[in-house]
PDB file of N, CA and C in Angstrom:
ATOM      1  N   MET A   1     101.559 -21.558   1.695  1.00  0.00           N
ATOM      2  CA  MET A   1     101.460 -20.154   2.656  1.00  0.00           C
ATOM      3  C   MET A   1      99.720 -19.875   2.924  1.00  0.00           C
ATOM      4  N   SER A   2      99.321 -19.884   4.029  1.00  0.00           N
ATOM      5  CA  SER A   2      98.000 -19.782   4.061  1.00  0.00           C
ATOM      6  C   SER A   2      97.533 -17.929   4.715  1.00  0.00           C
ATOM      7  N   HIS A   3      98.649 -17.070   4.873  1.00  0.00           N
ATOM      8  CA  HIS A   3      98.460 -15.929   5.214  1.00  0.00           C
ATOM      9  C   HIS A   3      99.031 -15.151   4.575  1.00  0.00           C
ATOM     10  N   ARG A   4      98.305 -14.235   3.963  1.00  0.00           N
ATOM     11  CA  ARG A   4      98.499 -13.392   2.802  1.00  0.00           C
ATOM     12  C   ARG A   4      98.542 -12.184   3.512  1.00  0.00           C
ATOM     13  N   GLU A   5      99.351 -11.029   2.857  1.00  0.00           N
ATOM     14  CA  GLU A   5      98.957  -9.606   3.450  1.00  0.00           C
ATOM     15  C   GLU A   5      98.267  -9.000   2.504  1.00  0.00           C
ATOM     16  N   PRO A   6      97.673  -8.131   3.247  1.00  0.00           N
ATOM     17  CA  PRO A   6      95.828  -7.771   2.231  1.00  0.00           C
ATOM     18  C   PRO A   6      97.137  -6.560   1.174  1.00  0.00           C
ATOM     19  N   VAL A   7      96.314  -6.479   0.108  1.00  0.00           N
ATOM     20  CA  VAL A   7      96.719  -5.057  -0.986  1.00  0.00           C
ATOM     21  C   VAL A   7      95.698  -4.386  -0.830  1.00  0.00           C
ATOM     22  N   TRP A   8      96.111  -3.100  -0.354  1.00  0.00           N
ATOM     23  CA  TRP A   8      95.175  -2.167  -0.089  1.00  0.00           C
ATOM     24  C   TRP A   8      94.650  -1.395  -1.589  1.00  0.00           C
ATOM     25  N   HIS A   9      93.314  -1.086  -1.453  1.00  0.00           N
ATOM     26  CA  HIS A   9      93.413  -0.346  -3.037  1.00  0.00           C
ATOM     27  C   HIS A   9      92.549   0.880  -2.079  1.00  0.00           C
ATOM     28  N   PRO A  10      93.054   2.548  -2.644  1.00  0.00           N
ATOM     29  CA  PRO A  10      92.102   3.264  -2.494  1.00  0.00           C
ATOM     30  C   PRO A  10      90.517   3.259  -3.126  1.00  0.00           C
ATOM     31  N   VAL A  11      89.882   3.517  -2.011  1.00  0.00           N
ATOM     32  CA  VAL A  11      88.214   3.363  -2.965  1.00  0.00           C
ATOM     33  C   VAL A  11      87.600   4.612  -2.688  1.00  0.00           C
ATOM     34  N   GLY A  12      87.992   5.543  -1.978  1.00  0.00           N
ATOM     35  CA  GLY A  12      87.350   6.796  -1.910  1.00  0.00           C
ATOM     36  C   GLY A  12      87.823   7.636  -0.714  1.00  0.00           C
ATOM     37  N   ALA A  13      86.707   8.773  -0.389  1.00  0.00           N
ATOM     38  CA  ALA A  13      87.245   9.212   0.691  1.00  0.00           C
ATOM     39  C   ALA A  13      86.289   9.290   1.396  1.00  0.00           C
ATOM     40  N   LEU A  14      86.338   9.202   2.902  1.00  0.00           N
ATOM     41  CA  LEU A  14      85.233   8.728   3.798  1.00  0.00           C
ATOM     42  C   LEU A  14      83.938   9.438   3.593  1.00  0.00           C
ATOM     43  N   SER A  15      84.136  11.021   3.279  1.00  0.00           N
ATOM     44  CA  SER A  15      83.158  11.580   3.441  1.00  0.00           C
ATOM     45  C   SER A  15      82.250  11.692   2.040  1.00  0.00           C
ATOM     46  N   ASP A  16      82.617  10.925   1.540  1.00  0.00           N
ATOM     47  CA  ASP A  16      81.884  10.581  -0.136  1.00  0.00           C
ATOM     48  C   ASP A  16      81.328   9.559   0.081  1.00  0.00           C
ATOM     49  N   PHE A  17      81.324   8.574   1.253  1.00  0.00           N
ATOM     50  CA  PHE A  17      79.946   7.591   1.518  1.00  0.00           C
ATOM     51  C   PHE A  17      79.144   7.694   2.513  1.00  0.00           C
ATOM     52  N   GLU A  18      77.863   7.849   1.813  1.00  0.00           N
ATOM     53  CA  GLU A  18      76.742   8.693   2.731  1.00  0.00           C
ATOM     54  C   GLU A  18      76.400   7.674   3.546  1.00  0.00           C
ATOM     55  N   GLU A  19      75.908   7.853   5.238  1.00  0.00           N
ATOM     56  CA  GLU A  19      75.216   6.673   5.957  1.00  0.00           C
ATOM     57  C   GLU A  19      74.585   5.370   5.403  1.00  0.00           C
ATOM     58  N   ASP A  20      74.459   4.699   5.801  1.00  0.00           N
ATOM     59  CA  ASP A  20      73.886   3.334   5.457  1.00  0.00           C
ATOM     60  C   ASP A  20      73.383   3.470   4.183  1.00  0.00           C
ATOM     61  N   LYS A  21      74.266   3.844   2.726  1.00  0.00           N
ATOM     62  CA  LYS A  21      73.701   4.066   1.524  1.00  0.00           C
ATOM     63  C   LYS A  21      75.146   3.169   0.593  1.00  0.00           C
ATOM     64  N   PRO A  22      74.699   2.066   0.539  1.00  0.00           N
ATOM     65  CA  PRO A  22      75.877   1.250  -0.114  1.00  0.00           C
ATOM     66  C   PRO A  22      76.335   1.792  -1.511  1.00  0.00           C
ATOM     67  N   GLU A  23      77.520   2.049  -1.864  1.00  0.00           N
ATOM     68  CA  GLU A  23      78.017   2.403  -3.054  1.00  0.00           C
ATOM     69  C   GLU A  23      79.089   1.417  -3.377  1.00  0.00           C
ATOM     70  N   ALA A  24      78.788   1.119  -4.895  1.00  0.00           N
ATOM     71  CA  ALA A  24      79.167  -0.086  -5.985  1.00  0.00           C
ATOM     72  C   ALA A  24      80.873   0.905  -6.153  1.00  0.00           C
ATOM     73  N   VAL A  25      81.802  -0.335  -5.817  1.00  0.00           N
ATOM     74  CA  VAL A  25      83.103   0.304  -6.534  1.00  0.00           C
ATOM     75  C   VAL A  25      84.040  -1.048  -7.099  1.00  0.00           C
ATOM     76  N   ASP A  26      84.539  -0.683  -7.908  1.00  0.00           N
ATOM     77  CA  ASP A  26      85.145  -2.040  -8.687  1.00  0.00           C
ATOM     78  C   ASP A  26      86.601  -1.728  -7.868  1.00  0.00           C
ATOM     79  N   VAL A  27      87.120  -2.906  -7.301  1.00  0.00           N
ATOM     80  CA  VAL A  27      88.931  -3.126  -6.312  1.00  0.00           C
ATOM     81  C   VAL A  27      89.108  -4.038  -7.298  1.00  0.00           C
ATOM     82  N   ASP A  28      90.071  -3.743  -8.192  1.00  0.00           N
ATOM     83  CA  ASP A  28      91.300  -4.357  -8.622  1.00  0.00           C
ATOM     84  C   ASP A  28      90.381  -5.256 -10.066  1.00  0.00           C
ATOM     85  N   GLY A  29      89.348  -5.190  -9.872  1.00  0.00           N
ATOM     86  CA  GLY A  29      88.535  -6.339 -11.119  1.00  0.00           C
ATOM     87  C   GLY A  29      87.638  -6.662  -9.977  1.00  0.00           C
ATOM     88  N   THR A  30      87.094  -6.542  -8.753  1.00  0.00           N
ATOM     89  CA  THR A  30      86.215  -7.199  -7.825  1.00  0.00           C
ATOM     90  C   THR A  30      85.045  -6.367  -7.558  1.00  0.00           C
ATOM     91  N   PRO A  31      83.996  -6.776  -7.580  1.00  0.00           N
ATOM     92  CA  PRO A  31      82.609  -5.776  -7.603  1.00  0.00           C
ATOM     93  C   PRO A  31      82.675  -6.063  -6.123  1.00  0.00           C
ATOM     94  N   VAL A  32      82.609  -4.828  -5.272  1.00  0.00           N
ATOM     95  CA  VAL A  32      82.300  -4.536  -3.982  1.00  0.00           C
ATOM     96  C   VAL A  32      81.684  -3.449  -3.418  1.00  0.00           C
ATOM     97  N   ALA A  33      80.658  -4.023  -2.569  1.00  0.00           N
ATOM     98  CA  ALA A  33      79.938  -2.559  -1.713  1.00  0.00           C
ATOM     99  C   ALA A  33      80.006  -2.118  -0.845  1.00  0.00           C
ATOM    100  N   VAL A  34      80.642  -0.663  -0.909  1.00  0.00           N
ATOM    101  CA  VAL A  34      81.236  -0.178   0.466  1.00  0.00           C
ATOM    102  C   VAL A  34      79.923   0.845   1.232  1.00  0.00           C
ATOM    103  N   VAL A  35      79.932   0.297   2.631  1.00  0.00           N
ATOM    104  CA  VAL A  35      78.774   0.523   3.182  1.00  0.00           C
ATOM    105  C   VAL A  35      79.434   1.387   4.560  1.00  0.00           C
ATOM    106  N   ARG A  36      79.228   2.682   4.530  1.00  0.00           N
ATOM    107  CA  ARG A  36      79.524   3.640   5.766  1.00  0.00           C
ATOM    108  C   ARG A  36      78.214   3.442   6.325  1.00  0.00           C
ATOM    109  N   THR A  37      77.955   2.627   8.329  1.00  0.00           N
ATOM    110  CA  THR A  37      77.207   2.558   8.388  1.00  0.00           C
ATOM    111  C   THR A  37      76.833   3.664   9.265  1.00  0.00           C
ATOM    112  N   SER A  38      75.522   4.086  10.123  1.00  0.00           N
ATOM    113  CA  SER A  38      75.048   5.515  10.791  1.00  0.00           C
ATOM    114  C   SER A  38      75.901   5.190  12.216  1.00  0.00           C
ATOM    115  N   GLU A  39      76.792   4.219  12.596  1.00  0.00           N
ATOM    116  CA  GLU A  39      77.487   3.871  13.548  1.00  0.00           C
ATOM    117  C   GLU A  39      78.827   4.316  13.393  1.00  0.00           C
ATOM    118  N   GLY A  40      79.003   4.607  12.612  1.00  0.00           N
ATOM    119  CA  GLY A  40      80.288   5.087  11.735  1.00  0.00           C
ATOM    120  C   GLY A  40      81.607   4.005  11.332  1.00  0.00           C
ATOM    121  N   LYS A  41      81.342   2.940  11.223  1.00  0.00           N
ATOM    122  CA  LYS A  41      81.774   1.568  11.031  1.00  0.00           C
ATOM    123  C   LYS A  41      82.004   1.493   9.396  1.00  0.00           C
ATOM    124  N   VAL A  42      82.952   1.187   8.774  1.00  0.00           N
ATOM    125  CA  VAL A  42      82.958   1.075   7.267  1.00  0.00           C
ATOM    126  C   VAL A  42      82.786  -0.677   7.048  1.00  0.00           C
ATOM    127  N   HIS A  43      81.993  -0.823   5.992  1.00  0.00           N
ATOM    128  CA  HIS A  43      82.441  -2.458   5.592  1.00  0.00           C
ATOM    129  C   HIS A  43      82.713  -2.409   4.196  1.00  0.00           C
ATOM    130  N   ALA A  44      82.943  -3.614   3.800  1.00  0.00           N
ATOM    131  CA  ALA A  44      83.017  -4.218   2.411  1.00  0.00           C
ATOM    132  C   ALA A  44      82.758  -5.377   1.806  1.00  0.00           C
ATOM    133  N   ILE A  45      81.711  -5.700   1.244  1.00  0.00           N
ATOM    134  CA  ILE A  45      81.169  -7.013   1.309  1.00  0.00           C
ATOM    135  C   ILE A  45      80.851  -7.010  -0.236  1.00  0.00           C
ATOM    136  N   HIS A  46      81.339  -8.300  -0.684  1.00  0.00           N
ATOM    137  CA  HIS A  46      81.416  -8.744  -2.042  1.00  0.00           C
ATOM    138  C   HIS A  46      80.029  -8.326  -3.354  1.00  0.00           C
ATOM    139  N   ASP A  47      79.912  -7.490  -3.729  1.00  0.00           N
ATOM    140  CA  ASP A  47      78.571  -6.669  -4.310  1.00  0.00           C
ATOM    141  C   ASP A  47      77.848  -7.754  -5.513  1.00  0.00           C
ATOM    142  N   VAL A  48      77.855  -9.236  -5.146  1.00  0.00           N
ATOM    143  CA  VAL A  48      76.915  -9.965  -5.865  1.00  0.00           C
ATOM    144  C   VAL A  48      76.333 -10.669  -4.874  1.00  0.00           C
ATOM    145  N   CYS A  49      74.779 -10.841  -4.942  1.00  0.00           N
ATOM    146  CA  CYS A  49      73.824 -11.764  -4.598  1.00  0.00           C
ATOM    147  C   CYS A  49      74.782 -13.343  -4.372  1.00  0.00           C
ATOM    148  N   SER A  50      74.489 -13.845  -3.394  1.00  0.00           N
ATOM    149  CA  SER A  50      74.997 -15.345  -3.730  1.00  0.00           C
ATOM    150  C   SER A  50      73.489 -16.202  -4.111  1.00  0.00           C
ATOM    151  N   HIS A  51      72.527 -15.451  -4.108  1.00  0.00           N
ATOM    152  CA  HIS A  51      71.388 -16.500  -4.673  1.00  0.00           C
ATOM    153  C   HIS A  51      71.047 -15.999  -6.095  1.00  0.00           C
ATOM    154  N   ALA A  52      70.956 -14.564  -6.324  1.00  0.00           N
ATOM    155  CA  ALA A  52      70.510 -14.626  -7.772  1.00  0.00           C
ATOM    156  C   ALA A  52      71.601 -13.755  -8.422  1.00  0.00           C
ATOM    157  N   ASN A  53      73.048 -13.382  -8.213  1.00  0.00           N
ATOM    158  CA  ASN A  53      73.848 -12.869  -8.974  1.00  0.00           C
ATOM    159  C   ASN A  53      73.351 -11.649  -9.363  1.00  0.00           C
ATOM    160  N   VAL A  54      72.875 -10.612  -8.929  1.00  0.00           N
ATOM    161  CA  VAL A  54      72.622  -9.360  -8.654  1.00  0.00           C
ATOM    162  C   VAL A  54      73.547  -8.439  -7.876  1.00  0.00           C
ATOM    163  N   ALA A  55      73.192  -7.236  -8.045  1.00  0.00           N
ATOM    164  CA  ALA A  55      74.517  -6.336  -7.001  1.00  0.00           C
ATOM    165  C   ALA A  55      73.594  -6.151  -5.714  1.00  0.00           C
ATOM    166  N   LEU A  56      74.467  -6.249  -4.836  1.00  0.00           N
ATOM    167  CA  LEU A  56      73.998  -6.123  -3.466  1.00  0.00           C
ATOM    168  C   LEU A  56      73.911  -4.155  -3.044  1.00  0.00           C
ATOM    169  N   SER A  57      74.692  -3.612  -3.735  1.00  0.00           N
ATOM    170  CA  SER A  57      75.137  -2.360  -3.591  1.00  0.00           C
ATOM    171  C   SER A  57      73.336  -1.552  -3.952  1.00  0.00           C
ATOM    172  N   GLU A  58      72.602  -2.208  -4.605  1.00  0.00           N
ATOM    173  CA  GLU A  58      71.489  -1.654  -5.385  1.00  0.00           C
ATOM    174  C   GLU A  58      70.161  -1.778  -4.008  1.00  0.00           C
ATOM    175  N   GLY A  59      70.667  -2.378  -3.074  1.00  0.00           N
ATOM    176  CA  GLY A  59      69.505  -2.844  -1.932  1.00  0.00           C
ATOM    177  C   GLY A  59      69.634  -1.727  -0.669  1.00  0.00           C
ATOM    178  N   GLU A  60      68.934  -1.837   0.166  1.00  0.00           N
ATOM    179  CA  GLU A  60      68.694  -0.934   1.037  1.00  0.00           C
ATOM    180  C   GLU A  60      69.933  -1.949   2.449  1.00  0.00           C
ATOM    181  N   VAL A  61      70.351  -0.748   3.518  1.00  0.00           N
ATOM    182  CA  VAL A  61      71.117  -1.178   4.454  1.00  0.00           C
ATOM    183  C   VAL A  61      70.233  -0.777   5.815  1.00  0.00           C
ATOM    184  N   VAL A  62      70.102  -1.881   6.627  1.00  0.00           N
ATOM    185  CA  VAL A  62      69.513  -1.784   7.879  1.00  0.00           C
ATOM    186  C   VAL A  62      69.979  -2.223   8.886  1.00  0.00           C
ATOM    187  N   ASP A  63      69.957  -1.544  10.075  1.00  0.00           N
ATOM    188  CA  ASP A  63      70.809  -2.579  11.026  1.00  0.00           C
ATOM    189  C   ASP A  63      71.751  -3.415  10.801  1.00  0.00           C
ATOM    190  N   GLY A  64      72.750  -2.736  10.332  1.00  0.00           N
ATOM    191  CA  GLY A  64      74.197  -3.636   9.923  1.00  0.00           C
ATOM    192  C   GLY A  64      73.803  -4.636   8.697  1.00  0.00           C
ATOM    193  N   GLU A  65      72.951  -4.622   8.030  1.00  0.00           N
ATOM    194  CA  GLU A  65      72.646  -5.737   7.213  1.00  0.00           C
ATOM    195  C   GLU A  65      72.537  -4.892   5.955  1.00  0.00           C
ATOM    196  N   ILE A  66      72.820  -6.001   4.807  1.00  0.00           N
ATOM    197  CA  ILE A  66      71.919  -5.656   3.235  1.00  0.00           C
ATOM    198  C   ILE A  66      71.644  -6.287   2.625  1.00  0.00           C
ATOM    199  N   GLU A  67      70.063  -5.847   2.109  1.00  0.00           N
ATOM    200  CA  GLU A  67      69.141  -6.535   1.369  1.00  0.00           C
ATOM    201  C   GLU A  67      69.455  -6.501  -0.128  1.00  0.00           C
ATOM    202  N   CYS A  68      69.430  -7.655  -0.498  1.00  0.00           N
ATOM    203  CA  CYS A  68      69.072  -8.127  -2.023  1.00  0.00           C
ATOM    204  C   CYS A  68      67.517  -7.446  -2.502  1.00  0.00           C
ATOM    205  N   TRP A  69      68.042  -6.593  -3.483  1.00  0.00           N
ATOM    206  CA  TRP A  69      66.361  -5.761  -4.088  1.00  0.00           C
ATOM    207  C   TRP A  69      65.581  -6.728  -4.733  1.00  0.00           C
ATOM    208  N   LEU A  70      66.049  -7.773  -5.162  1.00  0.00           N
ATOM    209  CA  LEU A  70      65.604  -8.733  -5.852  1.00  0.00           C
ATOM    210  C   LEU A  70      64.592  -9.851  -4.856  1.00  0.00           C
ATOM    211  N   HIS A  71      65.001 -10.606  -4.362  1.00  0.00           N
ATOM    212  CA  HIS A  71      64.230 -11.475  -3.561  1.00  0.00           C
ATOM    213  C   HIS A  71      64.135 -11.161  -2.237  1.00  0.00           C
ATOM    214  N   GLY A  72      64.881 -10.134  -1.666  1.00  0.00           N
ATOM    215  CA  GLY A  72      64.966 -10.271   0.055  1.00  0.00           C
ATOM    216  C   GLY A  72      65.390 -10.594   0.744  1.00  0.00           C
ATOM    217  N   SER A  73      66.499 -11.384   0.601  1.00  0.00           N
ATOM    218  CA  SER A  73      67.563 -11.624   1.129  1.00  0.00           C
ATOM    219  C   SER A  73      68.748 -10.686   1.906  1.00  0.00           C
ATOM    220  N   THR A  74      68.986 -11.035   2.947  1.00  0.00           N
ATOM    221  CA  THR A  74      69.792 -10.250   4.082  1.00  0.00           C
ATOM    222  C   THR A  74      70.758 -10.909   4.241  1.00  0.00           C
ATOM    223  N   PHE A  75      72.475 -10.062   4.444  1.00  0.00           N
ATOM    224  CA  PHE A  75      73.250 -10.353   4.639  1.00  0.00           C
ATOM    225  C   PHE A  75      73.799  -9.406   5.358  1.00  0.00           C
ATOM    226  N   SER A  76      74.825 -10.062   6.633  1.00  0.00           N
ATOM    227  CA  SER A  76      75.344  -9.354   7.661  1.00  0.00           C
ATOM    228  C   SER A  76      76.772  -8.712   7.184  1.00  0.00           C
ATOM    229  N   LEU A  77      76.452  -7.381   7.083  1.00  0.00           N
ATOM    230  CA  LEU A  77      77.728  -6.570   6.745  1.00  0.00           C
ATOM    231  C   LEU A  77      79.129  -7.160   7.268  1.00  0.00           C
ATOM    232  N   ALA A  78      79.157  -7.575   8.767  1.00  0.00           N
ATOM    233  CA  ALA A  78      80.017  -7.863   9.165  1.00  0.00           C
ATOM    234  C   ALA A  78      80.953  -9.183   9.014  1.00  0.00           C
ATOM    235  N   THR A  79      79.677 -10.092   8.834  1.00  0.00           N
ATOM    236  CA  THR A  79      80.225 -11.690   8.481  1.00  0.00           C
ATOM    237  C   THR A  79      80.254 -11.716   6.602  1.00  0.00           C
ATOM    238  N   GLY A  80      78.820 -11.226   6.278  1.00  0.00           N
ATOM    239  CA  GLY A  80      78.463 -12.204   4.905  1.00  0.00           C
ATOM    240  C   GLY A  80      77.522 -12.998   4.893  1.00  0.00           C
ATOM    241  N   LYS A  81      77.468 -13.424   6.031  1.00  0.00           N
ATOM    242  CA  LYS A  81      76.514 -14.278   6.199  1.00  0.00           C
ATOM    243  C   LYS A  81      74.987 -14.250   5.722  1.00  0.00           C
ATOM    244  N   PRO A  82      74.199 -15.013   4.857  1.00  0.00           N
ATOM    245  CA  PRO A  82      72.814 -14.657   5.176  1.00  0.00           C
ATOM    246  C   PRO A  82      72.094 -14.778   6.419  1.00  0.00           C
ATOM    247  N   THR A  83      70.827 -13.704   6.382  1.00  0.00           N
ATOM    248  CA  THR A  83      70.041 -13.666   7.912  1.00  0.00           C
ATOM    249  C   THR A  83      68.590 -13.808   7.461  1.00  0.00           C
ATOM    250  N   CYS A  84      68.579 -14.057   6.254  1.00  0.00           N
ATOM    251  CA  CYS A  84      67.247 -14.300   5.674  1.00  0.00           C
ATOM    252  C   CYS A  84      66.836 -15.260   4.448  1.00  0.00           C
ATOM    253  N   LEU A  85      66.349 -15.842   4.351  1.00  0.00           N
ATOM    254  CA  LEU A  85      65.827 -16.654   2.754  1.00  0.00           C
ATOM    255  C   LEU A  85      65.536 -15.709   1.615  1.00  0.00           C
ATOM    256  N   PRO A  86      65.852 -16.309   0.309  1.00  0.00           N
ATOM    257  CA  PRO A  86      65.866 -17.461   0.363  1.00  0.00           C
ATOM    258  C   PRO A  86      67.681 -17.788  -0.013  1.00  0.00           C
ATOM    259  N   ALA A  87      68.246 -16.527   0.403  1.00  0.00           N
ATOM    260  CA  ALA A  87      69.709 -16.907   0.111  1.00  0.00           C
ATOM    261  C   ALA A  87      69.942 -17.969   1.436  1.00  0.00           C
ATOM    262  N   VAL A  88      71.093 -18.830   1.002  1.00  0.00           N
ATOM    263  CA  VAL A  88      71.704 -19.597   2.243  1.00  0.00           C
ATOM    264  C   VAL A  88      73.511 -19.457   1.962  1.00  0.00           C
ATOM    265  N   GLU A  89      73.633 -18.917   1.107  1.00  0.00           N
ATOM    266  CA  GLU A  89      75.333 -19.326   0.919  1.00  0.00           C
ATOM    267  C   GLU A  89      76.003 -17.787   1.421  1.00  0.00           C
ATOM    268  N   PRO A  90      76.845 -17.680   2.072  1.00  0.00           N
ATOM    269  CA  PRO A  90      77.374 -16.623   2.327  1.00  0.00           C
ATOM    270  C   PRO A  90      78.297 -15.540   1.091  1.00  0.00           C
ATOM    271  N   VAL A  91      78.403 -14.592   1.256  1.00  0.00           N
ATOM    272  CA  VAL A  91      78.972 -13.458   0.282  1.00  0.00           C
ATOM    273  C   VAL A  91      80.411 -13.160   1.341  1.00  0.00           C
ATOM    274  N   PRO A  92      81.403 -13.201   0.449  1.00  0.00           N
ATOM    275  CA  PRO A  92      82.966 -12.998   1.038  1.00  0.00           C
ATOM    276  C   PRO A  92      82.633 -11.247   1.436  1.00  0.00           C
ATOM    277  N   VAL A  93      83.040 -11.114   2.838  1.00  0.00           N
ATOM    278  CA  VAL A  93      83.626  -9.792   3.148  1.00  0.00           C
ATOM    279  C   VAL A  93      84.621  -9.448   3.049  1.00  0.00           C
ATOM    280  N   TYR A  94      85.325  -8.274   3.100  1.00  0.00           N
ATOM    281  CA  TYR A  94      86.836  -8.027   2.932  1.00  0.00           C
ATOM    282  C   TYR A  94      87.263  -6.345   3.732  1.00  0.00           C
ATOM    283  N   PRO A  95      88.587  -6.848   4.195  1.00  0.00           N
ATOM    284  CA  PRO A  95      89.004  -5.702   4.918  1.00  0.00           C
ATOM    285  C   PRO A  95      89.065  -4.603   4.583  1.00  0.00           C
ATOM    286  N   VAL A  96      88.773  -3.526   5.751  1.00  0.00           N
ATOM    287  CA  VAL A  96      88.670  -1.966   5.284  1.00  0.00           C
ATOM    288  C   VAL A  96      89.777  -1.649   6.391  1.00  0.00           C
ATOM    289  N   LYS A  97      90.647  -0.502   5.944  1.00  0.00           N
ATOM    290  CA  LYS A  97      91.002   0.389   6.696  1.00  0.00           C
ATOM    291  C   LYS A  97      90.738   2.203   6.418  1.00  0.00           C
ATOM    292  N   ILE A  98      91.081   3.096   7.147  1.00  0.00           N
ATOM    293  CA  ILE A  98      90.733   4.144   7.087  1.00  0.00           C
ATOM    294  C   ILE A  98      91.940   5.449   7.432  1.00  0.00           C
ATOM    295  N   GLU A  99      92.617   5.878   6.941  1.00  0.00           N
ATOM    296  CA  GLU A  99      93.521   6.769   7.183  1.00  0.00           C
ATOM    297  C   GLU A  99      93.597   8.022   6.643  1.00  0.00           C
ATOM    298  N   GLY A 100      93.301   8.801   7.488  1.00  0.00           N
ATOM    299  CA  GLY A 100      92.640  10.092   7.329  1.00  0.00           C
ATOM    300  C   GLY A 100      91.436  10.010   7.261  1.00  0.00           C
ATOM    301  N   ASP A 101      91.187  10.626   5.749  1.00  0.00           N
ATOM    302  CA  ASP A 101      89.559  10.425   5.025  1.00  0.00           C
ATOM    303  C   ASP A 101      89.786   9.819   4.315  1.00  0.00           C
ATOM    304  N   ASP A 102      90.597   8.763   3.729  1.00  0.00           N
ATOM    305  CA  ASP A 102      90.596   7.802   2.923  1.00  0.00           C
ATOM    306  C   ASP A 102      90.701   6.569   3.026  1.00  0.00           C
ATOM    307  N   VAL A 103      89.984   5.568   2.184  1.00  0.00           N
ATOM    308  CA  VAL A 103      89.417   4.755   2.737  1.00  0.00           C
ATOM    309  C   VAL A 103      89.914   3.375   1.629  1.00  0.00           C
ATOM    310  N   TYR A 104      90.424   2.443   2.217  1.00  0.00           N
ATOM    311  CA  TYR A 104      91.100   1.460   1.683  1.00  0.00           C
ATOM    312  C   TYR A 104      90.658  -0.353   1.742  1.00  0.00           C
ATOM    313  N   VAL A 105      90.208  -0.658   0.520  1.00  0.00           N
ATOM    314  CA  VAL A 105      89.749  -2.068   0.949  1.00  0.00           C
ATOM    315  C   VAL A 105      90.849  -3.183   0.350  1.00  0.00           C
ATOM    316  N   ALA A 106      91.275  -4.208   0.809  1.00  0.00           N
ATOM    317  CA  ALA A 106      91.861  -5.418   0.675  1.00  0.00           C
ATOM    318  C   ALA A 106      90.751  -6.382  -0.079  1.00  0.00           C
ATOM    319  N   VAL A 107      90.999  -6.860  -1.649  1.00  0.00           N
ATOM    320  CA  VAL A 107      89.946  -8.112  -1.632  1.00  0.00           C
ATOM    321  C   VAL A 107      91.205  -9.203  -1.886  1.00  0.00           C
ATOM    322  N   ASN A 108      92.232  -9.503  -1.963  1.00  0.00           N
ATOM    323  CA  ASN A 108      92.949 -10.176  -1.967  1.00  0.00           C
ATOM    324  C   ASN A 108      92.837 -11.265  -0.441  1.00  0.00           C
ATOM    325  N   VAL A 109      92.154 -10.921   0.463  1.00  0.00           N
ATOM    326  CA  VAL A 109      91.925 -11.472   1.503  1.00  0.00           C
ATOM    327  C   VAL A 109      90.692 -11.167   2.280  1.00  0.00           C
ATOM    328  N   GLU A 110      90.019 -12.464   2.638  1.00  0.00           N
ATOM    329  CA  GLU A 110      88.700 -12.173   3.290  1.00  0.00           C
ATOM    330  C   GLU A 110      88.714 -12.253   4.657  1.00  0.00           C
ATOM    331  N   LEU A 111      87.672 -11.299   5.506  1.00  0.00           N
ATOM    332  CA  LEU A 111      87.602 -11.996   6.760  1.00  0.00           C
ATOM    333  C   LEU A 111      86.937 -13.080   7.398  1.00  0.00           C
TER     334      LEU A 111
END
């Protein structure tokens, strides 16, 4: 069985997330950076840089990308793919759903 149904976990209210400011959350034991962009989209990306094993949530968000503060690698919030060296491996991105003002993330499936 390759397709799994998402298991949704509440991570906070939409109003709790500042625009373009990553928030570190623990989702069922998985470190996740949740980002609400200035365009109003909410992304959930694994909160560990694939290059240096540090928290991406401590970096900055610019133009739909999150930057690792340690070496400057950047990752697409939508795909998790690195867009700047030194990182070459993508990081997982997770589905997000919003119901009312509540934000939910599923970490048992990746986008």
